[in-house]
Structure formats: C-alpha cells, structure tokens
PDB file of N, CA and C in Angstrom:
ATOM      1  N   MET A   1     -25.885  21.399  34.397  1.00  0.00           N
ATOM      2  CA  MET A   1     -26.487  20.542  34.927  1.00  0.00           C
ATOM      3  C   MET A   1     -26.865  19.468  33.597  1.00  0.00           C
ATOM      4  N   ALA A   2     -26.636  18.150  33.880  1.00  0.00           N
ATOM      5  CA  ALA A   2     -26.416  17.512  32.817  1.00  0.00           C
ATOM      6  C   ALA A   2     -27.922  16.814  32.437  1.00  0.00           C
ATOM      7  N   ALA A   3     -28.595  16.653  31.436  1.00  0.00           N
ATOM      8  CA  ALA A   3     -29.346  15.975  30.951  1.00  0.00           C
ATOM      9  C   ALA A   3     -29.901  14.863  31.425  1.00  0.00           C
ATOM     10  N   GLN A   4     -30.785  14.138  31.992  1.00  0.00           N
ATOM     11  CA  GLN A   4     -30.755  12.667  32.533  1.00  0.00           C
ATOM     12  C   GLN A   4     -32.277  12.096  32.172  1.00  0.00           C
ATOM     13  N   PRO A   5     -32.352  10.871  31.117  1.00  0.00           N
ATOM     14  CA  PRO A   5     -33.543  10.594  30.859  1.00  0.00           C
ATOM     15  C   PRO A   5     -34.755  10.635  31.998  1.00  0.00           C
ATOM     16  N   SER A   6     -35.771  10.980  31.639  1.00  0.00           N
ATOM     17  CA  SER A   6     -36.856  10.690  32.376  1.00  0.00           C
ATOM     18  C   SER A   6     -36.684   9.427  33.110  1.00  0.00           C
ATOM     19  N   ARG A   7     -37.367   9.133  34.435  1.00  0.00           N
ATOM     20  CA  ARG A   7     -37.076   8.104  35.251  1.00  0.00           C
ATOM     21  C   ARG A   7     -38.267   6.914  34.903  1.00  0.00           C
ATOM     22  N   PHE A   8     -39.236   7.540  34.071  1.00  0.00           N
ATOM     23  CA  PHE A   8     -40.164   6.842  33.568  1.00  0.00           C
ATOM     24  C   PHE A   8     -39.746   5.826  32.522  1.00  0.00           C
ATOM     25  N   ILE A   9     -38.686   6.334  31.536  1.00  0.00           N
ATOM     26  CA  ILE A   9     -38.038   5.772  30.613  1.00  0.00           C
ATOM     27  C   ILE A   9     -37.315   4.435  31.211  1.00  0.00           C
ATOM     28  N   ALA A  10     -36.642   4.951  32.038  1.00  0.00           N
ATOM     29  CA  ALA A  10     -35.558   3.679  32.732  1.00  0.00           C
ATOM     30  C   ALA A  10     -36.483   2.785  33.355  1.00  0.00           C
ATOM     31  N   LYS A  11     -37.624   3.251  33.954  1.00  0.00           N
ATOM     32  CA  LYS A  11     -38.552   2.173  34.701  1.00  0.00           C
ATOM     33  C   LYS A  11     -39.278   1.296  33.544  1.00  0.00           C
ATOM     34  N   MET A  12     -39.319   1.634  32.442  1.00  0.00           N
ATOM     35  CA  MET A  12     -39.831   0.777  31.514  1.00  0.00           C
ATOM     36  C   MET A  12     -38.907  -0.138  30.589  1.00  0.00           C
ATOM     37  N   ALA A  13     -37.621   0.172  30.703  1.00  0.00           N
ATOM     38  CA  ALA A  13     -36.822  -0.284  29.772  1.00  0.00           C
ATOM     39  C   ALA A  13     -36.804  -2.063  29.983  1.00  0.00           C
ATOM     40  N   LEU A  14     -37.015  -2.942  29.001  1.00  0.00           N
ATOM     41  CA  LEU A  14     -37.222  -4.167  29.403  1.00  0.00           C
ATOM     42  C   LEU A  14     -35.604  -4.739  29.691  1.00  0.00           C
ATOM     43  N   ASP A  15     -35.629  -5.984  30.283  1.00  0.00           N
ATOM     44  CA  ASP A  15     -34.534  -6.793  30.700  1.00  0.00           C
ATOM     45  C   ASP A  15     -34.017  -6.705  29.219  1.00  0.00           C
ATOM     46  N   HIS A  16     -32.541  -6.868  28.937  1.00  0.00           N
ATOM     47  CA  HIS A  16     -31.967  -7.210  27.747  1.00  0.00           C
ATOM     48  C   HIS A  16     -31.971  -8.828  27.443  1.00  0.00           C
ATOM     49  N   LYS A  17     -32.014  -9.620  28.513  1.00  0.00           N
ATOM     50  CA  LYS A  17     -31.702 -11.127  28.133  1.00  0.00           C
ATOM     51  C   LYS A  17     -33.435 -11.132  27.529  1.00  0.00           C
ATOM     52  N   THR A  18     -34.470 -10.831  28.335  1.00  0.00           N
ATOM     53  CA  THR A  18     -35.692 -11.122  27.733  1.00  0.00           C
ATOM     54  C   THR A  18     -36.480 -10.449  26.858  1.00  0.00           C
ATOM     55  N   ALA A  19     -35.549  -9.122  26.544  1.00  0.00           N
ATOM     56  CA  ALA A  19     -36.613  -8.047  25.574  1.00  0.00           C
ATOM     57  C   ALA A  19     -37.301  -8.840  24.425  1.00  0.00           C
ATOM     58  N   ARG A  20     -36.546  -9.341  23.435  1.00  0.00           N
ATOM     59  CA  ARG A  20     -37.477 -10.166  22.516  1.00  0.00           C
ATOM     60  C   ARG A  20     -36.951 -11.486  22.204  1.00  0.00           C
ATOM     61  N   GLU A  21     -37.435 -12.649  22.557  1.00  0.00           N
ATOM     62  CA  GLU A  21     -36.870 -13.826  22.076  1.00  0.00           C
ATOM     63  C   GLU A  21     -37.517 -14.601  21.068  1.00  0.00           C
ATOM     64  N   ASP A  22     -36.992 -14.926  20.145  1.00  0.00           N
ATOM     65  CA  ASP A  22     -37.319 -15.660  18.773  1.00  0.00           C
ATOM     66  C   ASP A  22     -37.856 -16.836  19.317  1.00  0.00           C
ATOM     67  N   PRO A  23     -38.967 -17.339  19.481  1.00  0.00           N
ATOM     68  CA  PRO A  23     -39.544 -18.639  19.904  1.00  0.00           C
ATOM     69  C   PRO A  23     -38.745 -19.566  18.957  1.00  0.00           C
ATOM     70  N   ARG A  24     -38.566 -19.530  17.338  1.00  0.00           N
ATOM     71  CA  ARG A  24     -38.213 -20.169  16.292  1.00  0.00           C
ATOM     72  C   ARG A  24     -36.718 -20.495  16.830  1.00  0.00           C
ATOM     73  N   GLU A  25     -36.276 -19.644  17.276  1.00  0.00           N
ATOM     74  CA  GLU A  25     -34.386 -19.608  17.701  1.00  0.00           C
ATOM     75  C   GLU A  25     -34.474 -20.450  18.759  1.00  0.00           C
ATOM     76  N   LYS A  26     -35.287 -20.068  19.737  1.00  0.00           N
ATOM     77  CA  LYS A  26     -35.157 -21.055  20.894  1.00  0.00           C
ATOM     78  C   LYS A  26     -35.479 -22.381  20.901  1.00  0.00           C
ATOM     79  N   LEU A  27     -36.562 -22.635  20.104  1.00  0.00           N
ATOM     80  CA  LEU A  27     -36.775 -24.479  19.840  1.00  0.00           C
ATOM     81  C   LEU A  27     -35.651 -24.901  19.127  1.00  0.00           C
ATOM     82  N   LYS A  28     -35.041 -24.157  18.022  1.00  0.00           N
ATOM     83  CA  LYS A  28     -33.792 -24.650  17.174  1.00  0.00           C
ATOM     84  C   LYS A  28     -32.865 -25.166  18.347  1.00  0.00           C
ATOM     85  N   ALA A  29     -32.447 -24.263  19.202  1.00  0.00           N
ATOM     86  CA  ALA A  29     -31.476 -24.579  20.215  1.00  0.00           C
ATOM     87  C   ALA A  29     -31.857 -25.521  21.015  1.00  0.00           C
ATOM     88  N   LEU A  30     -33.155 -25.794  21.589  1.00  0.00           N
ATOM     89  CA  LEU A  30     -33.575 -26.940  22.464  1.00  0.00           C
ATOM     90  C   LEU A  30     -33.111 -28.081  21.672  1.00  0.00           C
ATOM     91  N   ARG A  31     -33.765 -28.267  20.273  1.00  0.00           N
ATOM     92  CA  ARG A  31     -33.572 -29.264  19.616  1.00  0.00           C
ATOM     93  C   ARG A  31     -32.294 -29.813  19.478  1.00  0.00           C
ATOM     94  N   ALA A  32     -31.430 -28.931  19.225  1.00  0.00           N
ATOM     95  CA  ALA A  32     -29.897 -29.154  18.935  1.00  0.00           C
ATOM     96  C   ALA A  32     -29.552 -29.573  20.317  1.00  0.00           C
ATOM     97  N   GLU A  33     -29.819 -29.131  21.884  1.00  0.00           N
ATOM     98  CA  GLU A  33     -29.259 -29.538  22.823  1.00  0.00           C
ATOM     99  C   GLU A  33     -29.464 -30.839  23.176  1.00  0.00           C
ATOM    100  N   PHE A  34     -31.116 -31.221  23.065  1.00  0.00           N
ATOM    101  CA  PHE A  34     -31.319 -32.847  23.037  1.00  0.00           C
ATOM    102  C   PHE A  34     -31.011 -33.776  22.349  1.00  0.00           C
ATOM    103  N   ALA A  35     -30.420 -33.320  21.062  1.00  0.00           N
ATOM    104  CA  ALA A  35     -29.927 -34.066  20.021  1.00  0.00           C
ATOM    105  C   ALA A  35     -28.472 -34.623  20.299  1.00  0.00           C
ATOM    106  N   ALA A  36     -27.533 -33.461  21.007  1.00  0.00           N
ATOM    107  CA  ALA A  36     -26.358 -33.826  21.590  1.00  0.00           C
ATOM    108  C   ALA A  36     -26.515 -34.519  22.550  1.00  0.00           C
ATOM    109  N   LYS A  37     -27.442 -34.295  23.498  1.00  0.00           N
ATOM    110  CA  LYS A  37     -27.649 -35.488  24.517  1.00  0.00           C
ATOM    111  C   LYS A  37     -27.989 -36.892  24.160  1.00  0.00           C
ATOM    112  N   ALA A  38     -28.886 -37.068  22.891  1.00  0.00           N
ATOM    113  CA  ALA A  38     -29.101 -38.202  22.654  1.00  0.00           C
ATOM    114  C   ALA A  38     -28.039 -38.933  22.099  1.00  0.00           C
ATOM    115  N   THR A  39     -27.197 -38.158  21.100  1.00  0.00           N
ATOM    116  CA  THR A  39     -26.001 -38.971  20.799  1.00  0.00           C
ATOM    117  C   THR A  39     -25.033 -39.062  21.752  1.00  0.00           C
ATOM    118  N   ALA A  40     -24.689 -38.390  22.765  1.00  0.00           N
ATOM    119  CA  ALA A  40     -23.853 -38.912  23.813  1.00  0.00           C
ATOM    120  C   ALA A  40     -24.475 -40.108  24.563  1.00  0.00           C
ATOM    121  N   ALA A  41     -25.673 -39.924  24.887  1.00  0.00           N
ATOM    122  CA  ALA A  41     -26.156 -41.284  25.308  1.00  0.00           C
ATOM    123  C   ALA A  41     -25.943 -42.335  24.959  1.00  0.00           C
ATOM    124  N   LYS A  42     -26.209 -42.424  23.411  1.00  0.00           N
ATOM    125  CA  LYS A  42     -26.558 -43.219  22.495  1.00  0.00           C
ATOM    126  C   LYS A  42     -24.782 -44.089  22.607  1.00  0.00           C
ATOM    127  N   ALA A  43     -23.890 -43.142  22.311  1.00  0.00           N
ATOM    128  CA  ALA A  43     -22.585 -43.086  22.118  1.00  0.00           C
ATOM    129  C   ALA A  43     -21.836 -44.032  23.571  1.00  0.00           C
ATOM    130  N   GLN A  44     -22.473 -43.628  24.591  1.00  0.00           N
ATOM    131  CA  GLN A  44     -21.905 -43.874  25.732  1.00  0.00           C
ATOM    132  C   GLN A  44     -22.787 -45.404  26.071  1.00  0.00           C
ATOM    133  N   ALA A  45     -24.008 -45.697  25.471  1.00  0.00           N
ATOM    134  CA  ALA A  45     -24.491 -47.211  25.744  1.00  0.00           C
ATOM    135  C   ALA A  45     -23.640 -48.048  24.869  1.00  0.00           C
ATOM    136  N   ILE A  46     -23.144 -47.861  23.295  1.00  0.00           N
ATOM    137  CA  ILE A  46     -22.649 -48.498  23.194  1.00  0.00           C
ATOM    138  C   ILE A  46     -21.152 -49.081  23.404  1.00  0.00           C
ATOM    139  N   PRO A  47     -20.805 -50.215  23.764  1.00  0.00           N
ATOM    140  CA  PRO A  47     -19.551 -50.407  24.326  1.00  0.00           C
ATOM    141  C   PRO A  47     -18.321 -50.505  22.975  1.00  0.00           C
TER     142      PRO A  47
END
C-alpha cells in the first residue's frame, strides 16, 4: 500500500495563484500596464 498524504494537508493546500502575492510587484505591474495604455492612447490621439 502506497503512502498517501493526509486529506487535511490536501485540504489546507493553498491555490498556487493566490498563495503569496507581493503587493509591491503587483503594483509595479499595474503601473506598467497603465503607462502602456496611456502611451498608446497618446500616440493614437496625435495624428
């Protein structure tokens, strides 16, 4: 019989996407995204 981890361990496992997000990295990514959108909008507005 193969050993299986306890179901408690499996139940308490965090989702890998939401495990530990660094808020500073998230903010940097949002700023970069908004800067890119602003640049694209400005480039489109100037003929």
